[in-house]
Amino acid sequence: MNRHGIDDPIAQRRRALGAMAAATGLALTGCATTSAARRSRSGAPEGGEEGGEAEVTPGEDLMQEHGVVERILLIYGETARRIEHGEAADGAVVRSAAEVFRRFVEDYHERTEEQAVFPRLEAARRELGLIATLRRQHQRGRELTDVIARLAGGASGGAAELAPVLRAFERMYRPHAAREDTVLFPAFREVVGRGAYRELGERFEAEEHARFGEHGFERTVAEVARLEAALGIDDLARFTAP
């Protein structure tokens, strides 16, 4: 159970990794402290001993951040469903979800991809067509986020316009994230090499700490969880197939 009252096994694993990093004296670039860090790249202990937690890689980080994307898409999809069925929809929840998406996904996660992942693959002439599509979708997503925030913050009459925008956003980002997880990130790992891959992981973590503080990911997940609870979709069991 984390400090936000959410039982988050991913956060528990990250705290364990941070504790290991502190115990072995590992310092991360740009970070003042490593204990309880969200994603310490600890690797094996000094002296070549085996065992302990496996290091958290840049690709794994990016895929974990896609989990935030998926949970916001769940909020969007549920809101669209309610509008389509004539049920009450909470515009404030949607607007808050759009703000989280802007802050954590567009301004941080996607910028990381655009500045650190895409250029390395482009230089290696790998996945050029896919990257061109991903860049266009990032830009289109930012435009749609503006529309979602505007419609969600307006009068109730905007609900009819909001639903198709939420559906379009959801339809674009699900295959977008899946293609990155299964094609782009594996290619990125192949191109970068082990040493540079670890260094990039440290850079990713330093940037996250600079933007959001030491537990920024956990706080973001907790914020999304509160929005799910406000919609009554926070119980995972309700999604179990009959």
Protein backbone atom coordinates (compact mmCIF):
# COMPACT_ATOMS: atom_id res chain seq x y z
CA MET A 1 0.00 0.00 0.00
CA ASN A 2 1.71 3.26 -1.10
CA ARG A 3 1.36 6.65 0.53
CA HIS A 4 -1.61 7.42 -1.69
CA GLY A 5 -3.50 4.41 -0.34
CA ILE A 6 -3.09 2.40 -3.54
CA ASP A 7 -1.74 -1.13 -3.50
CA ASP A 8 0.69 -0.80 -6.43
CA PRO A 9 3.06 -3.75 -6.94
CA ILE A 10 5.00 -1.84 -9.62
CA ALA A 11 5.72 0.94 -7.13
CA GLN A 12 6.75 -1.67 -4.54
CA ARG A 13 9.22 -3.17 -7.00
CA ARG A 14 10.63 0.23 -7.84
CA ARG A 15 11.11 1.05 -4.17
CA ALA A 16 12.97 -2.23 -3.75
CA LEU A 17 15.21 -1.37 -6.69
CA GLY A 18 15.90 2.04 -5.17
CA ALA A 19 16.87 0.47 -1.87
CA MET A 20 19.29 -1.88 -3.61
CA ALA A 21 20.88 1.05 -5.43
CA ALA A 22 21.43 2.87 -2.14
CA ALA A 23 22.95 -0.24 -0.55
CA THR A 24 25.51 -0.68 -3.33
CA GLY A 25 26.38 3.02 -3.47
CA LEU A 26 25.21 3.43 -7.05
CA ALA A 27 24.77 7.08 -8.07
CA LEU A 28 22.43 8.10 -10.87
CA THR A 29 23.27 10.94 -13.22
CA GLY A 30 21.46 14.13 -12.29
CA CYS A 31 19.78 12.70 -9.18
CA ALA A 32 20.56 13.89 -5.68
CA THR A 33 19.39 10.65 -4.11
CA THR A 34 18.78 7.08 -5.20
CA SER A 35 17.06 5.53 -2.21
CA ALA A 36 13.41 4.74 -2.97
CA ALA A 37 13.92 6.02 -6.51
CA ARG A 38 11.22 5.03 -8.91
CA ARG A 39 13.43 3.23 -11.40
CA SER A 40 17.01 2.67 -10.24
CA ARG A 41 19.24 0.88 -12.75
CA SER A 42 20.95 -1.28 -10.16
CA GLY A 43 21.98 -4.31 -12.17
CA ALA A 44 24.11 -6.92 -10.47
CA PRO A 45 26.00 -6.02 -7.27
CA GLU A 46 29.65 -5.02 -7.49
CA GLY A 47 32.07 -7.91 -7.68
CA GLY A 48 29.99 -9.68 -10.34
CA GLU A 49 27.69 -11.48 -7.91
CA GLU A 50 24.49 -12.82 -9.36
CA GLY A 51 21.04 -12.47 -7.89
CA GLY A 52 18.92 -9.55 -6.76
CA GLU A 53 16.45 -7.60 -8.85
CA ALA A 54 17.02 -7.24 -12.59
CA GLU A 55 17.69 -3.69 -13.72
CA VAL A 56 14.80 -1.64 -15.10
CA THR A 57 15.59 -0.74 -18.69
CA PRO A 58 14.59 2.32 -20.74
CA GLY A 59 12.24 0.18 -22.84
CA GLU A 60 10.54 -1.16 -19.72
CA ASP A 61 10.18 2.37 -18.39
CA LEU A 62 8.51 3.53 -21.58
CA MET A 63 6.14 0.55 -21.58
CA GLN A 64 5.19 1.18 -17.95
CA GLU A 65 4.35 4.74 -18.93
CA HIS A 66 2.10 3.29 -21.63
CA GLY A 67 0.12 1.82 -18.74
CA VAL A 68 -0.82 5.41 -17.81
CA VAL A 69 -1.92 5.94 -21.41
CA GLU A 70 -4.12 2.84 -21.29
CA ARG A 71 -5.79 3.87 -18.04
CA ILE A 72 -6.60 7.32 -19.41
CA LEU A 73 -8.01 5.67 -22.53
CA LEU A 74 -10.24 3.63 -20.22
CA ILE A 75 -11.57 6.88 -18.72
CA TYR A 76 -12.15 8.30 -22.19
CA GLY A 77 -13.86 5.13 -23.41
CA GLU A 78 -16.19 4.92 -20.42
CA THR A 79 -17.13 8.59 -20.77
CA ALA A 80 -17.85 8.16 -24.48
CA ARG A 81 -20.01 5.09 -23.71
CA ARG A 82 -22.08 7.03 -21.19
CA ILE A 83 -22.64 9.91 -23.61
CA GLU A 84 -23.59 7.51 -26.40
CA HIS A 85 -26.15 5.83 -24.11
CA GLY A 86 -27.63 9.06 -22.82
CA GLU A 87 -26.12 8.67 -19.36
CA ALA A 88 -24.59 11.45 -17.27
CA ALA A 89 -20.93 12.17 -18.03
CA ASP A 90 -18.54 14.04 -15.74
CA GLY A 91 -16.73 16.66 -17.80
CA ALA A 92 -14.47 17.59 -14.90
CA VAL A 93 -13.06 14.05 -14.80
CA VAL A 94 -12.38 14.09 -18.53
CA ARG A 95 -10.74 17.49 -18.34
CA SER A 96 -8.50 16.33 -15.48
CA ALA A 97 -7.58 13.20 -17.44
CA ALA A 98 -6.67 15.37 -20.43
CA GLU A 99 -4.45 17.51 -18.18
CA VAL A 100 -2.63 14.39 -16.94
CA PHE A 101 -2.22 13.18 -20.52
CA ARG A 102 -0.81 16.53 -21.55
CA ARG A 103 1.59 16.81 -18.64
CA PHE A 104 2.86 13.26 -18.32
CA VAL A 105 2.38 11.70 -21.74
CA GLU A 106 2.68 14.46 -24.30
CA ASP A 107 5.11 16.82 -22.55
CA TYR A 108 7.28 14.10 -21.02
CA HIS A 109 6.84 10.56 -22.38
CA GLU A 110 6.39 11.52 -26.03
CA ARG A 111 9.09 14.17 -25.88
CA THR A 112 11.45 11.48 -24.58
CA GLU A 113 10.59 9.32 -27.57
CA GLU A 114 11.01 12.21 -29.99
CA GLN A 115 14.33 13.37 -28.58
CA ALA A 116 16.02 10.12 -27.52
CA VAL A 117 14.40 7.19 -29.30
CA PHE A 118 13.30 8.29 -32.77
CA PRO A 119 16.57 10.07 -33.76
CA ARG A 120 18.73 7.04 -32.95
CA LEU A 121 16.56 4.75 -35.04
CA GLU A 122 16.43 7.29 -37.88
CA ALA A 123 20.23 7.58 -37.85
CA ALA A 124 20.42 3.79 -38.16
CA ARG A 125 17.80 3.84 -40.95
CA ARG A 126 15.49 1.61 -38.92
CA GLU A 127 11.66 1.72 -38.86
CA LEU A 128 11.53 5.01 -40.77
CA GLY A 129 7.95 4.61 -41.98
CA LEU A 130 6.73 3.68 -38.51
CA ILE A 131 8.50 6.64 -36.92
CA ALA A 132 7.00 9.05 -39.45
CA THR A 133 3.53 7.76 -38.56
CA LEU A 134 4.22 7.93 -34.83
CA ARG A 135 5.37 11.55 -35.12
CA ARG A 136 2.19 12.49 -36.99
CA GLN A 137 0.09 10.74 -34.37
CA HIS A 138 1.86 12.55 -31.54
CA GLN A 139 1.01 15.85 -33.17
CA ARG A 140 -2.57 14.84 -33.88
CA GLY A 141 -2.94 13.65 -30.29
CA ARG A 142 -1.88 17.05 -28.99
CA GLU A 143 -4.47 18.70 -31.19
CA LEU A 144 -7.18 16.33 -29.98
CA THR A 145 -6.19 16.89 -26.35
CA ASP A 146 -6.86 20.59 -26.86
CA VAL A 147 -10.30 19.77 -28.26
CA ILE A 148 -11.09 17.31 -25.45
CA ALA A 149 -10.12 19.82 -22.75
CA ARG A 150 -12.23 22.52 -24.40
CA LEU A 151 -15.32 20.37 -24.88
CA ALA A 152 -15.09 18.78 -21.43
CA GLY A 153 -14.86 22.19 -19.81
CA GLY A 154 -17.82 23.63 -21.67
CA ALA A 155 -21.58 23.44 -21.29
CA SER A 156 -23.42 20.15 -21.24
CA GLY A 157 -24.37 20.66 -24.87
CA GLY A 158 -20.79 19.83 -25.86
CA ALA A 159 -21.21 16.21 -24.77
CA ALA A 160 -22.49 15.11 -28.17
CA GLU A 161 -19.35 16.52 -29.80
CA LEU A 162 -17.06 15.11 -27.13
CA ALA A 163 -17.92 11.43 -27.53
CA PRO A 164 -16.63 10.99 -31.13
CA VAL A 165 -13.42 12.87 -30.28
CA LEU A 166 -12.79 10.56 -27.33
CA ARG A 167 -13.43 7.55 -29.55
CA ALA A 168 -11.03 8.85 -32.21
CA PHE A 169 -8.36 9.46 -29.60
CA GLU A 170 -8.82 5.98 -28.16
CA ARG A 171 -8.78 4.35 -31.59
CA MET A 172 -5.49 6.04 -32.50
CA TYR A 173 -3.55 5.54 -29.28
CA ARG A 174 -4.24 1.85 -28.63
CA PRO A 175 -2.50 0.62 -31.80
CA HIS A 176 0.04 3.44 -31.47
CA ALA A 177 1.26 2.23 -28.07
CA ALA A 178 1.07 -1.43 -29.09
CA ARG A 179 3.26 -0.87 -32.15
CA GLU A 180 5.82 1.01 -30.07
CA ASP A 181 5.92 -1.77 -27.47
CA THR A 182 6.30 -4.60 -29.98
CA VAL A 183 8.30 -3.04 -32.83
CA LEU A 184 9.86 0.32 -31.96
CA PHE A 185 11.30 -0.35 -28.51
CA PRO A 186 12.87 -3.73 -29.42
CA ALA A 187 14.52 -2.09 -32.46
CA PHE A 188 15.72 0.77 -30.25
CA ARG A 189 17.41 -1.67 -27.88
CA GLU A 190 19.17 -3.41 -30.78
CA VAL A 191 20.48 -0.14 -32.19
CA VAL A 192 21.72 1.47 -28.98
CA GLY A 193 23.82 -1.27 -27.40
CA ARG A 194 24.13 -2.29 -23.75
CA GLY A 195 26.32 0.50 -22.35
CA ALA A 196 24.48 3.36 -24.03
CA TYR A 197 21.15 1.74 -23.18
CA ARG A 198 21.96 1.87 -19.47
CA GLU A 199 23.18 5.47 -19.72
CA LEU A 200 19.95 6.46 -21.43
CA GLY A 201 18.01 4.82 -18.63
CA GLU A 202 19.80 7.04 -16.13
CA ARG A 203 19.06 10.10 -18.27
CA PHE A 204 15.38 9.17 -18.46
CA GLU A 205 15.20 8.86 -14.68
CA ALA A 206 17.03 12.13 -14.09
CA GLU A 207 14.62 13.93 -16.43
CA GLU A 208 11.62 12.43 -14.70
CA HIS A 209 12.90 13.52 -11.29
CA ALA A 210 13.60 17.03 -12.59
CA ARG A 211 10.06 17.35 -13.91
CA PHE A 212 7.95 15.51 -11.36
CA GLY A 213 10.03 14.85 -8.27
CA GLU A 214 11.29 11.55 -6.91
CA HIS A 215 7.94 9.75 -6.92
CA GLY A 216 6.38 11.45 -9.93
CA PHE A 217 5.26 8.24 -11.61
CA GLU A 218 3.54 6.95 -8.47
CA ARG A 219 1.77 10.27 -7.98
CA THR A 220 0.62 10.26 -11.60
CA VAL A 221 -0.75 6.73 -11.29
CA ALA A 222 -2.51 7.70 -8.06
CA GLU A 223 -4.05 10.72 -9.77
CA VAL A 224 -5.40 8.57 -12.59
CA ALA A 225 -6.71 6.04 -10.05
CA ARG A 226 -8.68 8.78 -8.31
CA LEU A 227 -10.27 9.73 -11.63
CA GLU A 228 -11.19 6.08 -12.23
CA ALA A 229 -12.76 5.96 -8.79
CA ALA A 230 -14.77 9.11 -9.54
CA LEU A 231 -16.27 7.28 -12.53
CA GLY A 232 -16.79 4.07 -10.56
CA ILE A 233 -14.47 2.07 -12.84
CA ASP A 234 -11.65 1.51 -10.36
CA ASP A 235 -12.59 -2.11 -9.53
CA LEU A 236 -10.64 -4.31 -11.94
CA ALA A 237 -12.90 -7.28 -11.18
CA ARG A 238 -15.82 -5.63 -12.95
CA PHE A 239 -13.97 -6.00 -16.25
CA THR A 240 -13.69 -9.78 -15.94
CA ALA A 241 -15.37 -11.47 -18.91
CA PRO A 242 -18.59 -13.31 -18.00
